[in-house]
Amino acid sequence: VSPNPGSATPAADVARAVAEVGQHVDFLVLNLSSPDVPGMCELLSTGSLEPILEEARKARDALKCTWKAPLLLKVSPDLSPSGRAAVALLVVKHGLDGIVVGNSASLS
C-alpha cells in the first residue's frame, strides 16, 4: 500500500488502505520507494516516515481478525547509510515486522 501521490495526509491514506485490505492479505508492504512517483521517496525522511509507520501499525493492529498480516516497509536502495540506520530504528520502534529493499535505483 502507498499514500496517494501528492497527498497532504499520507499517514491517513496508508491507514485507510491497511484497514481496507489488511484482513484479506498474507502480508502488507508499505511501499514508500517509488522513484517514478514525485515526492514518494521523500516520505522516507524521519519526520514524514514516523507518523506513516505509527498509523499503519495501529490500523493493522485494529483489524478484527484472528491473524494479523506481517507489516513490512519497502525502502529505496538509494538511501544513505545514515538514512538506512534512521529507517531501521523507526521500523523497530513502531513494531514493524521487516524491511523490503529492492527497487530500481535512481540514476542521479
PDB file of N, CA and C in Angstrom:
ATOM      1  N   VAL A   1       0.845  -1.175   0.000  1.00  0.00           N
ATOM      2  CA  VAL A   1       0.000   0.000   0.000  1.00  0.00           C
ATOM      3  C   VAL A   1       0.887   1.234   0.000  1.00  0.00           C
ATOM      4  N   SER A   2       0.359   2.308  -0.555  1.00  0.00           N
ATOM      5  CA  SER A   2       1.091   3.576  -0.625  1.00  0.00           C
ATOM      6  C   SER A   2       0.124   4.721  -0.421  1.00  0.00           C
ATOM      7  N   PRO A   3       0.648   5.855   0.018  1.00  0.00           N
ATOM      8  CA  PRO A   3      -0.216   7.038   0.058  1.00  0.00           C
ATOM      9  C   PRO A   3      -0.519   7.504  -1.366  1.00  0.00           C
ATOM     10  N   ASN A   4      -1.598   8.239  -1.507  1.00  0.00           N
ATOM     11  CA  ASN A   4      -1.913   8.818  -2.806  1.00  0.00           C
ATOM     12  C   ASN A   4      -0.835   9.827  -3.166  1.00  0.00           C
ATOM     13  N   PRO A   5      -0.384   9.852  -4.428  1.00  0.00           N
ATOM     14  CA  PRO A   5       0.645  10.816  -4.830  1.00  0.00           C
ATOM     15  C   PRO A   5       0.208  12.251  -4.527  1.00  0.00           C
ATOM     16  N   GLY A   6       1.111  12.994  -3.900  1.00  0.00           N
ATOM     17  CA  GLY A   6       0.842  14.389  -3.594  1.00  0.00           C
ATOM     18  C   GLY A   6      -0.126  14.617  -2.454  1.00  0.00           C
ATOM     19  N   SER A   7      -0.482  13.573  -1.731  1.00  0.00           N
ATOM     20  CA  SER A   7      -1.452  13.693  -0.646  1.00  0.00           C
ATOM     21  C   SER A   7      -0.920  14.563   0.485  1.00  0.00           C
ATOM     22  N   ALA A   8      -1.813  15.348   1.057  1.00  0.00           N
ATOM     23  CA  ALA A   8      -1.468  16.139   2.238  1.00  0.00           C
ATOM     24  C   ALA A   8      -1.547  15.294   3.502  1.00  0.00           C
ATOM     25  N   THR A   9      -2.129  14.090   3.407  1.00  0.00           N
ATOM     26  CA  THR A   9      -2.319  13.223   4.569  1.00  0.00           C
ATOM     27  C   THR A   9      -1.843  11.798   4.260  1.00  0.00           C
ATOM     28  N   PRO A  10      -0.539  11.609   4.018  1.00  0.00           N
ATOM     29  CA  PRO A  10      -0.059  10.272   3.654  1.00  0.00           C
ATOM     30  C   PRO A  10      -0.279   9.220   4.738  1.00  0.00           C
ATOM     31  N   ALA A  11      -0.149   9.586   6.005  1.00  0.00           N
ATOM     32  CA  ALA A  11      -0.362   8.608   7.084  1.00  0.00           C
ATOM     33  C   ALA A  11      -1.810   8.124   7.097  1.00  0.00           C
ATOM     34  N   ALA A  12      -2.748   9.034   6.901  1.00  0.00           N
ATOM     35  CA  ALA A  12      -4.165   8.658   6.862  1.00  0.00           C
ATOM     36  C   ALA A  12      -4.465   7.798   5.637  1.00  0.00           C
ATOM     37  N   ASP A  13      -3.844   8.112   4.504  1.00  0.00           N
ATOM     38  CA  ASP A  13      -4.034   7.306   3.289  1.00  0.00           C
ATOM     39  C   ASP A  13      -3.610   5.863   3.537  1.00  0.00           C
ATOM     40  N   VAL A  14      -2.433   5.704   4.120  1.00  0.00           N
ATOM     41  CA  VAL A  14      -1.902   4.364   4.367  1.00  0.00           C
ATOM     42  C   VAL A  14      -2.758   3.629   5.388  1.00  0.00           C
ATOM     43  N   ALA A  15      -3.155   4.292   6.452  1.00  0.00           N
ATOM     44  CA  ALA A  15      -4.002   3.653   7.469  1.00  0.00           C
ATOM     45  C   ALA A  15      -5.319   3.188   6.863  1.00  0.00           C
ATOM     46  N   ARG A  16      -5.897   3.996   6.006  1.00  0.00           N
ATOM     47  CA  ARG A  16      -7.163   3.633   5.358  1.00  0.00           C
ATOM     48  C   ARG A  16      -6.975   2.404   4.466  1.00  0.00           C
ATOM     49  N   ALA A  17      -5.879   2.365   3.718  1.00  0.00           N
ATOM     50  CA  ALA A  17      -5.605   1.220   2.849  1.00  0.00           C
ATOM     51  C   ALA A  17      -5.379  -0.052   3.665  1.00  0.00           C
ATOM     52  N   VAL A  18      -4.628   0.060   4.746  1.00  0.00           N
ATOM     53  CA  VAL A  18      -4.385  -1.102   5.619  1.00  0.00           C
ATOM     54  C   VAL A  18      -5.709  -1.613   6.191  1.00  0.00           C
ATOM     55  N   ALA A  19      -6.557  -0.709   6.631  1.00  0.00           N
ATOM     56  CA  ALA A  19      -7.851  -1.101   7.193  1.00  0.00           C
ATOM     57  C   ALA A  19      -8.722  -1.799   6.156  1.00  0.00           C
ATOM     58  N   GLU A  20      -8.638  -1.362   4.906  1.00  0.00           N
ATOM     59  CA  GLU A  20      -9.470  -1.944   3.847  1.00  0.00           C
ATOM     60  C   GLU A  20      -9.001  -3.327   3.419  1.00  0.00           C
ATOM     61  N   VAL A  21      -7.703  -3.513   3.269  1.00  0.00           N
ATOM     62  CA  VAL A  21      -7.208  -4.769   2.699  1.00  0.00           C
ATOM     63  C   VAL A  21      -6.552  -5.703   3.714  1.00  0.00           C
ATOM     64  N   GLY A  22      -6.262  -5.204   4.894  1.00  0.00           N
ATOM     65  CA  GLY A  22      -5.456  -5.937   5.860  1.00  0.00           C
ATOM     66  C   GLY A  22      -5.927  -7.328   6.224  1.00  0.00           C
ATOM     67  N   GLN A  23      -7.238  -7.535   6.285  1.00  0.00           N
ATOM     68  CA  GLN A  23      -7.719  -8.869   6.666  1.00  0.00           C
ATOM     69  C   GLN A  23      -7.805  -9.828   5.483  1.00  0.00           C
ATOM     70  N   HIS A  24      -7.461  -9.359   4.288  1.00  0.00           N
ATOM     71  CA  HIS A  24      -7.582 -10.178   3.085  1.00  0.00           C
ATOM     72  C   HIS A  24      -6.235 -10.556   2.473  1.00  0.00           C
ATOM     73  N   VAL A  25      -5.135 -10.222   3.127  1.00  0.00           N
ATOM     74  CA  VAL A  25      -3.818 -10.435   2.537  1.00  0.00           C
ATOM     75  C   VAL A  25      -2.940 -11.281   3.456  1.00  0.00           C
ATOM     76  N   ASP A  26      -1.884 -11.852   2.869  1.00  0.00           N
ATOM     77  CA  ASP A  26      -0.926 -12.643   3.643  1.00  0.00           C
ATOM     78  C   ASP A  26       0.135 -11.762   4.297  1.00  0.00           C
ATOM     79  N   PHE A  27       0.401 -10.611   3.701  1.00  0.00           N
ATOM     80  CA  PHE A  27       1.330  -9.649   4.272  1.00  0.00           C
ATOM     81  C   PHE A  27       1.012  -8.281   3.691  1.00  0.00           C
ATOM     82  N   LEU A  28       1.454  -7.243   4.389  1.00  0.00           N
ATOM     83  CA  LEU A  28       1.259  -5.858   3.958  1.00  0.00           C
ATOM     84  C   LEU A  28       2.624  -5.222   3.742  1.00  0.00           C
ATOM     85  N   VAL A  29       2.802  -4.576   2.601  1.00  0.00           N
ATOM     86  CA  VAL A  29       4.037  -3.858   2.317  1.00  0.00           C
ATOM     87  C   VAL A  29       3.695  -2.383   2.152  1.00  0.00           C
ATOM     88  N   LEU A  30       4.294  -1.556   2.981  1.00  0.00           N
ATOM     89  CA  LEU A  30       4.168  -0.108   2.836  1.00  0.00           C
ATOM     90  C   LEU A  30       5.203   0.304   1.801  1.00  0.00           C
ATOM     91  N   ASN A  31       4.751   0.651   0.612  1.00  0.00           N
ATOM     92  CA  ASN A  31       5.661   0.978  -0.474  1.00  0.00           C
ATOM     93  C   ASN A  31       5.914   2.479  -0.508  1.00  0.00           C
ATOM     94  N   LEU A  32       7.035   2.879   0.030  1.00  0.00           N
ATOM     95  CA  LEU A  32       7.428   4.281   0.002  1.00  0.00           C
ATOM     96  C   LEU A  32       8.644   4.464  -0.894  1.00  0.00           C
ATOM     97  N   SER A  33       8.895   3.495  -1.741  1.00  0.00           N
ATOM     98  CA  SER A  33      10.032   3.542  -2.640  1.00  0.00           C
ATOM     99  C   SER A  33       9.529   3.452  -4.073  1.00  0.00           C
ATOM    100  N   SER A  34       9.080   4.557  -4.584  1.00  0.00           N
ATOM    101  CA  SER A  34       8.618   4.640  -5.971  1.00  0.00           C
ATOM    102  C   SER A  34       9.289   5.846  -6.612  1.00  0.00           C
ATOM    103  N   PRO A  35      10.498   5.655  -7.144  1.00  0.00           N
ATOM    104  CA  PRO A  35      11.243   6.798  -7.667  1.00  0.00           C
ATOM    105  C   PRO A  35      10.534   7.512  -8.820  1.00  0.00           C
ATOM    106  N   ASP A  36       9.605   6.824  -9.486  1.00  0.00           N
ATOM    107  CA  ASP A  36       8.891   7.450 -10.597  1.00  0.00           C
ATOM    108  C   ASP A  36       7.667   8.255 -10.146  1.00  0.00           C
ATOM    109  N   VAL A  37       7.344   8.202  -8.846  1.00  0.00           N
ATOM    110  CA  VAL A  37       6.219   8.979  -8.308  1.00  0.00           C
ATOM    111  C   VAL A  37       6.787  10.185  -7.574  1.00  0.00           C
ATOM    112  N   PRO A  38       6.553  11.392  -8.087  1.00  0.00           N
ATOM    113  CA  PRO A  38       7.116  12.585  -7.455  1.00  0.00           C
ATOM    114  C   PRO A  38       6.759  12.690  -5.972  1.00  0.00           C
ATOM    115  N   GLY A  39       7.787  12.912  -5.154  1.00  0.00           N
ATOM    116  CA  GLY A  39       7.590  13.125  -3.730  1.00  0.00           C
ATOM    117  C   GLY A  39       7.510  11.870  -2.885  1.00  0.00           C
ATOM    118  N   MET A  40       7.386  10.705  -3.506  1.00  0.00           N
ATOM    119  CA  MET A  40       7.193   9.475  -2.718  1.00  0.00           C
ATOM    120  C   MET A  40       8.425   9.150  -1.868  1.00  0.00           C
ATOM    121  N   CYS A  41       9.606   9.192  -2.454  1.00  0.00           N
ATOM    122  CA  CYS A  41      10.804   8.811  -1.703  1.00  0.00           C
ATOM    123  C   CYS A  41      11.123   9.793  -0.578  1.00  0.00           C
ATOM    124  N   GLU A  42      10.630  11.029  -0.681  1.00  0.00           N
ATOM    125  CA  GLU A  42      10.840  11.994   0.402  1.00  0.00           C
ATOM    126  C   GLU A  42      10.111  11.568   1.674  1.00  0.00           C
ATOM    127  N   LEU A  43       9.117  10.689   1.525  1.00  0.00           N
ATOM    128  CA  LEU A  43       8.387  10.211   2.702  1.00  0.00           C
ATOM    129  C   LEU A  43       9.251   9.319   3.588  1.00  0.00           C
ATOM    130  N   LEU A  44      10.427   8.927   3.098  1.00  0.00           N
ATOM    131  CA  LEU A  44      11.337   8.119   3.908  1.00  0.00           C
ATOM    132  C   LEU A  44      12.144   8.962   4.881  1.00  0.00           C
ATOM    133  N   SER A  45      11.999  10.275   4.839  1.00  0.00           N
ATOM    134  CA  SER A  45      12.683  11.100   5.834  1.00  0.00           C
ATOM    135  C   SER A  45      12.019  10.864   7.182  1.00  0.00           C
ATOM    136  N   THR A  46      12.793  10.957   8.234  1.00  0.00           N
ATOM    137  CA  THR A  46      12.319  10.604   9.568  1.00  0.00           C
ATOM    138  C   THR A  46      11.030  11.320   9.959  1.00  0.00           C
ATOM    139  N   GLY A  47      10.946  12.624   9.730  1.00  0.00           N
ATOM    140  CA  GLY A  47       9.760  13.379  10.134  1.00  0.00           C
ATOM    141  C   GLY A  47       8.503  12.958   9.404  1.00  0.00           C
ATOM    142  N   SER A  48       8.633  12.555   8.146  1.00  0.00           N
ATOM    143  CA  SER A  48       7.477  12.095   7.368  1.00  0.00           C
ATOM    144  C   SER A  48       7.166  10.631   7.642  1.00  0.00           C
ATOM    145  N   LEU A  49       8.196   9.835   7.825  1.00  0.00           N
ATOM    146  CA  LEU A  49       8.025   8.390   7.955  1.00  0.00           C
ATOM    147  C   LEU A  49       7.367   7.972   9.265  1.00  0.00           C
ATOM    148  N   GLU A  50       7.749   8.602  10.346  1.00  0.00           N
ATOM    149  CA  GLU A  50       7.275   8.160  11.661  1.00  0.00           C
ATOM    150  C   GLU A  50       5.750   8.118  11.771  1.00  0.00           C
ATOM    151  N   PRO A  51       5.010   9.164  11.392  1.00  0.00           N
ATOM    152  CA  PRO A  51       3.555   9.070  11.507  1.00  0.00           C
ATOM    153  C   PRO A  51       2.948   8.030  10.567  1.00  0.00           C
ATOM    154  N   ILE A  52       3.577   7.793   9.421  1.00  0.00           N
ATOM    155  CA  ILE A  52       3.069   6.776   8.494  1.00  0.00           C
ATOM    156  C   ILE A  52       3.197   5.397   9.131  1.00  0.00           C
ATOM    157  N   LEU A  53       4.357   5.098   9.704  1.00  0.00           N
ATOM    158  CA  LEU A  53       4.560   3.799  10.350  1.00  0.00           C
ATOM    159  C   LEU A  53       3.624   3.624  11.538  1.00  0.00           C
ATOM    160  N   GLU A  54       3.495   4.662  12.326  1.00  0.00           N
ATOM    161  CA  GLU A  54       2.636   4.592  13.512  1.00  0.00           C
ATOM    162  C   GLU A  54       1.179   4.316  13.127  1.00  0.00           C
ATOM    163  N   GLU A  55       0.664   5.060  12.159  1.00  0.00           N
ATOM    164  CA  GLU A  55      -0.738   4.895  11.765  1.00  0.00           C
ATOM    165  C   GLU A  55      -0.972   3.566  11.058  1.00  0.00           C
ATOM    166  N   ALA A  56      -0.010   3.116  10.261  1.00  0.00           N
ATOM    167  CA  ALA A  56      -0.148   1.820   9.584  1.00  0.00           C
ATOM    168  C   ALA A  56      -0.202   0.682  10.601  1.00  0.00           C
ATOM    169  N   ARG A  57       0.687   0.728  11.595  1.00  0.00           N
ATOM    170  CA  ARG A  57       0.683  -0.331  12.613  1.00  0.00           C
ATOM    171  C   ARG A  57      -0.597  -0.306  13.426  1.00  0.00           C
ATOM    172  N   LYS A  58      -1.055   0.889  13.803  1.00  0.00           N
ATOM    173  CA  LYS A  58      -2.317   0.995  14.551  1.00  0.00           C
ATOM    174  C   LYS A  58      -3.475   0.416  13.747  1.00  0.00           C
ATOM    175  N   ALA A  59      -3.512   0.726  12.455  1.00  0.00           N
ATOM    176  CA  ALA A  59      -4.593   0.211  11.601  1.00  0.00           C
ATOM    177  C   ALA A  59      -4.516  -1.304  11.485  1.00  0.00           C
ATOM    178  N   ARG A  60      -3.307  -1.837  11.335  1.00  0.00           N
ATOM    179  CA  ARG A  60      -3.147  -3.296  11.258  1.00  0.00           C
ATOM    180  C   ARG A  60      -3.555  -3.952  12.578  1.00  0.00           C
ATOM    181  N   ASP A  61      -3.127  -3.372  13.689  1.00  0.00           N
ATOM    182  CA  ASP A  61      -3.442  -3.955  14.992  1.00  0.00           C
ATOM    183  C   ASP A  61      -4.928  -3.880  15.321  1.00  0.00           C
ATOM    184  N   ALA A  62      -5.634  -2.937  14.711  1.00  0.00           N
ATOM    185  CA  ALA A  62      -7.068  -2.772  14.976  1.00  0.00           C
ATOM    186  C   ALA A  62      -7.946  -3.679  14.116  1.00  0.00           C
ATOM    187  N   LEU A  63      -7.347  -4.423  13.200  1.00  0.00           N
ATOM    188  CA  LEU A  63      -8.143  -5.299  12.339  1.00  0.00           C
ATOM    189  C   LEU A  63      -8.893  -6.321  13.181  1.00  0.00           C
ATOM    190  N   LYS A  64     -10.120  -6.590  12.803  1.00  0.00           N
ATOM    191  CA  LYS A  64     -10.977  -7.539  13.522  1.00  0.00           C
ATOM    192  C   LYS A  64     -10.832  -8.933  12.907  1.00  0.00           C
ATOM    193  N   CYS A  65      -9.649  -9.493  13.041  1.00  0.00           N
ATOM    194  CA  CYS A  65      -9.409 -10.843  12.544  1.00  0.00           C
ATOM    195  C   CYS A  65      -8.464 -11.539  13.509  1.00  0.00           C
ATOM    196  N   THR A  66      -8.450 -12.846  13.453  1.00  0.00           N
ATOM    197  CA  THR A  66      -7.651 -13.598  14.416  1.00  0.00           C
ATOM    198  C   THR A  66      -6.164 -13.580  14.087  1.00  0.00           C
ATOM    199  N   TRP A  67      -5.826 -13.369  12.831  1.00  0.00           N
ATOM    200  CA  TRP A  67      -4.432 -13.357  12.407  1.00  0.00           C
ATOM    201  C   TRP A  67      -4.106 -11.997  11.821  1.00  0.00           C
ATOM    202  N   LYS A  68      -3.014 -11.400  12.244  1.00  0.00           N
ATOM    203  CA  LYS A  68      -2.593 -10.092  11.745  1.00  0.00           C
ATOM    204  C   LYS A  68      -1.476 -10.282  10.716  1.00  0.00           C
ATOM    205  N   ALA A  69      -1.681  -9.744   9.537  1.00  0.00           N
ATOM    206  CA  ALA A  69      -0.672  -9.842   8.474  1.00  0.00           C
ATOM    207  C   ALA A  69       0.608  -9.127   8.899  1.00  0.00           C
ATOM    208  N   PRO A  70       1.767  -9.720   8.604  1.00  0.00           N
ATOM    209  CA  PRO A  70       3.020  -9.014   8.875  1.00  0.00           C
ATOM    210  C   PRO A  70       3.045  -7.685   8.116  1.00  0.00           C
ATOM    211  N   LEU A  71       3.633  -6.681   8.733  1.00  0.00           N
ATOM    212  CA  LEU A  71       3.706  -5.341   8.170  1.00  0.00           C
ATOM    213  C   LEU A  71       5.160  -5.037   7.821  1.00  0.00           C
ATOM    214  N   LEU A  72       5.426  -4.826   6.547  1.00  0.00           N
ATOM    215  CA  LEU A  72       6.778  -4.604   6.048  1.00  0.00           C
ATOM    216  C   LEU A  72       6.883  -3.215   5.427  1.00  0.00           C
ATOM    217  N   LEU A  73       8.073  -2.648   5.424  1.00  0.00           N
ATOM    218  CA  LEU A  73       8.329  -1.352   4.806  1.00  0.00           C
ATOM    219  C   LEU A  73       9.273  -1.549   3.638  1.00  0.00           C
ATOM    220  N   LYS A  74       8.859  -1.113   2.442  1.00  0.00           N
ATOM    221  CA  LYS A  74       9.734  -1.156   1.271  1.00  0.00           C
ATOM    222  C   LYS A  74      10.458   0.179   1.164  1.00  0.00           C
ATOM    223  N   VAL A  75      11.781   0.102   1.108  1.00  0.00           N
ATOM    224  CA  VAL A  75      12.603   1.309   1.056  1.00  0.00           C
ATOM    225  C   VAL A  75      13.460   1.314  -0.204  1.00  0.00           C
ATOM    226  N   SER A  76      13.985   2.473  -0.509  1.00  0.00           N
ATOM    227  CA  SER A  76      14.820   2.661  -1.684  1.00  0.00           C
ATOM    228  C   SER A  76      16.233   2.147  -1.452  1.00  0.00           C
ATOM    229  N   PRO A  77      16.830   1.529  -2.463  1.00  0.00           N
ATOM    230  CA  PRO A  77      18.236   1.138  -2.331  1.00  0.00           C
ATOM    231  C   PRO A  77      19.166   2.345  -2.360  1.00  0.00           C
ATOM    232  N   ASP A  78      18.619   3.528  -2.652  1.00  0.00           N
ATOM    233  CA  ASP A  78      19.421   4.745  -2.724  1.00  0.00           C
ATOM    234  C   ASP A  78      19.598   5.441  -1.383  1.00  0.00           C
ATOM    235  N   LEU A  79      19.034   4.900  -0.311  1.00  0.00           N
ATOM    236  CA  LEU A  79      19.186   5.544   0.994  1.00  0.00           C
ATOM    237  C   LEU A  79      20.656   5.589   1.404  1.00  0.00           C
ATOM    238  N   SER A  80      21.028   6.677   2.008  1.00  0.00           N
ATOM    239  CA  SER A  80      22.392   6.810   2.532  1.00  0.00           C
ATOM    240  C   SER A  80      22.545   5.878   3.745  1.00  0.00           C
ATOM    241  N   PRO A  81      23.777   5.593   4.153  1.00  0.00           N
ATOM    242  CA  PRO A  81      23.959   4.774   5.354  1.00  0.00           C
ATOM    243  C   PRO A  81      23.240   5.355   6.579  1.00  0.00           C
ATOM    244  N   SER A  82      23.305   6.665   6.761  1.00  0.00           N
ATOM    245  CA  SER A  82      22.608   7.249   7.910  1.00  0.00           C
ATOM    246  C   SER A  82      21.088   7.172   7.723  1.00  0.00           C
ATOM    247  N   GLY A  83      20.618   7.282   6.488  1.00  0.00           N
ATOM    248  CA  GLY A  83      19.186   7.129   6.212  1.00  0.00           C
ATOM    249  C   GLY A  83      18.714   5.718   6.501  1.00  0.00           C
ATOM    250  N   ARG A  84      19.517   4.731   6.123  1.00  0.00           N
ATOM    251  CA  ARG A  84      19.169   3.326   6.414  1.00  0.00           C
ATOM    252  C   ARG A  84      19.086   3.088   7.914  1.00  0.00           C
ATOM    253  N   ALA A  85      20.048   3.651   8.659  1.00  0.00           N
ATOM    254  CA  ALA A  85      20.052   3.480  10.118  1.00  0.00           C
ATOM    255  C   ALA A  85      18.813   4.116  10.743  1.00  0.00           C
ATOM    256  N   ALA A  86      18.467   5.320  10.286  1.00  0.00           N
ATOM    257  CA  ALA A  86      17.302   6.018  10.837  1.00  0.00           C
ATOM    258  C   ALA A  86      16.016   5.253  10.544  1.00  0.00           C
ATOM    259  N   VAL A  87      15.889   4.733   9.327  1.00  0.00           N
ATOM    260  CA  VAL A  87      14.702   3.953   8.959  1.00  0.00           C
ATOM    261  C   VAL A  87      14.631   2.680   9.796  1.00  0.00           C
ATOM    262  N   ALA A  88      15.747   1.997   9.948  1.00  0.00           N
ATOM    263  CA  ALA A  88      15.762   0.756  10.734  1.00  0.00           C
ATOM    264  C   ALA A  88      15.327   1.015  12.171  1.00  0.00           C
ATOM    265  N   LEU A  89      15.792   2.100  12.768  1.00  0.00           N
ATOM    266  CA  LEU A  89      15.388   2.428  14.139  1.00  0.00           C
ATOM    267  C   LEU A  89      13.887   2.673  14.236  1.00  0.00           C
ATOM    268  N   LEU A  90      13.311   3.351  13.238  1.00  0.00           N
ATOM    269  CA  LEU A  90      11.865   3.607  13.261  1.00  0.00           C
ATOM    270  C   LEU A  90      11.070   2.327  13.045  1.00  0.00           C
ATOM    271  N   VAL A  91      11.572   1.435  12.206  1.00  0.00           N
ATOM    272  CA  VAL A  91      10.892   0.159  11.986  1.00  0.00           C
ATOM    273  C   VAL A  91      10.816  -0.622  13.290  1.00  0.00           C
ATOM    274  N   VAL A  92      11.916  -0.653  14.024  1.00  0.00           N
ATOM    275  CA  VAL A  92      11.931  -1.347  15.320  1.00  0.00           C
ATOM    276  C   VAL A  92      11.029  -0.615  16.320  1.00  0.00           C
ATOM    277  N   LYS A  93      11.154   0.698  16.395  1.00  0.00           N
ATOM    278  CA  LYS A  93      10.368   1.487  17.350  1.00  0.00           C
ATOM    279  C   LYS A  93       8.871   1.274  17.172  1.00  0.00           C
ATOM    280  N   HIS A  94       8.423   1.174  15.933  1.00  0.00           N
ATOM    281  CA  HIS A  94       6.990   1.077  15.666  1.00  0.00           C
ATOM    282  C   HIS A  94       6.510  -0.357  15.449  1.00  0.00           C
ATOM    283  N   GLY A  95       7.368  -1.324  15.716  1.00  0.00           N
ATOM    284  CA  GLY A  95       6.951  -2.716  15.729  1.00  0.00           C
ATOM    285  C   GLY A  95       6.603  -3.319  14.385  1.00  0.00           C
ATOM    286  N   LEU A  96       7.234  -2.822  13.308  1.00  0.00           N
ATOM    287  CA  LEU A  96       7.013  -3.455  12.020  1.00  0.00           C
ATOM    288  C   LEU A  96       7.730  -4.789  11.992  1.00  0.00           C
ATOM    289  N   ASP A  97       7.357  -5.624  11.045  1.00  0.00           N
ATOM    290  CA  ASP A  97       7.881  -6.986  11.004  1.00  0.00           C
ATOM    291  C   ASP A  97       9.076  -7.163  10.080  1.00  0.00           C
ATOM    292  N   GLY A  98       9.372  -6.166   9.253  1.00  0.00           N
ATOM    293  CA  GLY A  98      10.525  -6.316   8.369  1.00  0.00           C
ATOM    294  C   GLY A  98      10.641  -5.176   7.385  1.00  0.00           C
ATOM    295  N   ILE A  99      11.728  -5.273   6.601  1.00  0.00           N
ATOM    296  CA  ILE A  99      12.036  -4.262   5.589  1.00  0.00           C
ATOM    297  C   ILE A  99      12.266  -4.975   4.270  1.00  0.00           C
ATOM    298  N   VAL A 100      11.744  -4.408   3.193  1.00  0.00           N
ATOM    299  CA  VAL A 100      11.984  -4.907   1.839  1.00  0.00           C
ATOM    300  C   VAL A 100      12.885  -3.874   1.164  1.00  0.00           C
ATOM    301  N   VAL A 101      14.022  -4.346   0.653  1.00  0.00           N
ATOM    302  CA  VAL A 101      14.930  -3.458  -0.066  1.00  0.00           C
ATOM    303  C   VAL A 101      15.107  -4.042  -1.457  1.00  0.00           C
ATOM    304  N   GLY A 102      14.495  -3.435  -2.397  1.00  0.00           N
ATOM    305  CA  GLY A 102      14.616  -3.903  -3.773  1.00  0.00           C
ATOM    306  C   GLY A 102      13.796  -3.013  -4.670  1.00  0.00           C
ATOM    307  N   ASN A 103      14.476  -2.384  -5.591  1.00  0.00           N
ATOM    308  CA  ASN A 103      13.795  -1.463  -6.474  1.00  0.00           C
ATOM    309  C   ASN A 103      14.839  -1.027  -7.496  1.00  0.00           C
ATOM    310  N   SER A 104      14.393  -0.346  -8.496  1.00  0.00           N
ATOM    311  CA  SER A 104      15.374   0.243  -9.415  1.00  0.00           C
ATOM    312  C   SER A 104      15.988   1.451  -8.721  1.00  0.00           C
ATOM    313  N   ALA A 105      17.281   1.563  -8.798  1.00  0.00           N
ATOM    314  CA  ALA A 105      17.970   2.691  -8.196  1.00  0.00           C
ATOM    315  C   ALA A 105      17.872   3.895  -9.120  1.00  0.00           C
ATOM    316  N   SER A 106      17.908   5.073  -8.561  1.00  0.00           N
ATOM    317  CA  SER A 106      17.898   6.275  -9.391  1.00  0.00           C
ATOM    318  C   SER A 106      19.243   6.399 -10.076  1.00  0.00           C
ATOM    319  N   LEU A 107      19.251   7.055 -11.203  1.00  0.00           N
ATOM    320  CA  LEU A 107      20.499   7.219 -11.950  1.00  0.00           C
ATOM    321  C   LEU A 107      21.252   8.469 -11.552  1.00  0.00           C
ATOM    322  N   SER A 108      20.661   9.281 -10.694  1.00  0.00           N
ATOM    323  CA  SER A 108      21.347  10.521 -10.296  1.00  0.00           C
ATOM    324  C   SER A 108      22.276  10.288  -9.145  1.00  0.00           C
TER     325      SER A 108
END
